[in-house]
Amino acid sequence: MLKLSRYVLYDILRSKIVIAYTIFLFAVSLSMFQMEENSSKAMLSLLNIVLIVLPLVSLVFTTIHYYNSYEFIELMSSQPMSRTRILLSEYAGVAISLLSAFLIGVGIPVLLLAPNDIGFALLFSGVCLTLVFTSIAFFAAVIARDKARGIGFALLLWFYFALIYDSLVLLILFSFSDYPLEKITLLLSALNPIDLGRIFIMLKMDVSALMGYTGALYKDFFGSGTGILFTTGIMLLWIIVPLWLAVRKFRKKDL
C-alpha cells in the first residue's frame, strides 16, 4: 500500500497542478499579511480561502484525478491486490499532496507571521476540511461512472455545503424563532464541516459577542475541552464515513 501511495503521489506532483496550487496559496497568504497590519484581519481574509477554496479544490482535483487514473485502477484491480488497498492508496496519495500544498502555502506564512491560537485553529480546520472533502470526492467519483456526471455531482456537493446549507439553516431558525433553538444549532453545525470549521475559527478570534446569545453558547461549548473533542470527533466522522462508503461501493463495483 505504501509503495502504491508513493507512486500516486509522484504521479500527482509530476502533473504540476499541486505545485501551482501551493504557489497560489503561498502568494495569497503572504499578500494578506502584507496588506493588513493587524494579523487578525489577515487571518479573517484567509478564513474565506480555507472555507471556500480548499473544499472546492479538494473536490474537483480529487474527482478529476480519479477519472484520469481509471485505467491504472483497472490495471491494479487485475493484479492480486485488494480493491480496498487500491482505493485507500489512491486516497492517501491525493490527501498527502493536497495537505502538503496547504501546509506549505498557508501553514508556513501563518506559523511565521501569526503563531497564535487563531493561526493554529485555521491550520487545524484547513487540514480537516482538506481530508473531509477529499473523502467526499472519492465517494462522488466512485458512485458516478461518467466523468462529467461525477464532476457535476462534486460541484453540486460543494455548492450545497458552501452556500445552500447556510440558507436552509437560516430558514429553519427564522421559521421557528419563537422556540429555543440554541442547542439545536449545535447539532446543525455538526451536519456541515464547513460551518463547523468556521465556528471553531471565529470563536478563537473572539467575535462571539457579535453573535448574541448563540455566540455565547458556542463559546462556552466549543471553547471547552469537550467542544474541542466534539469538533475533532465530528471531523473524523466526516473523513471516515464517506471514505468507508466509497470503499464499500468500489469493492462491489463492476469495473
Foldseek 3Di string as FASTA:
>chain_A
DVVLLVVLLVVVVVVVPLVVLLVVLQVLLVVLCVVDVDVLSSLVVVLCCLLQVLLLCLQQVLLVSCVVCVVVLVVVVVDPDANLVNLVSNLSSSLVSSLVSCCNSNVVSCCVPPVDPLSVLSNVLSSLSSLLSNLLNLLLNLVDVDSVNSSVVSVVVSCCLRPVLVVVVVVVCVVPVVDPCLVVVVVSCLVHSSSLSVLLNVVVVVPLVVVPPSSVVSCVQCVDPNNVVVNVVSSVCSNPVSNVSSSVSSNPDDD
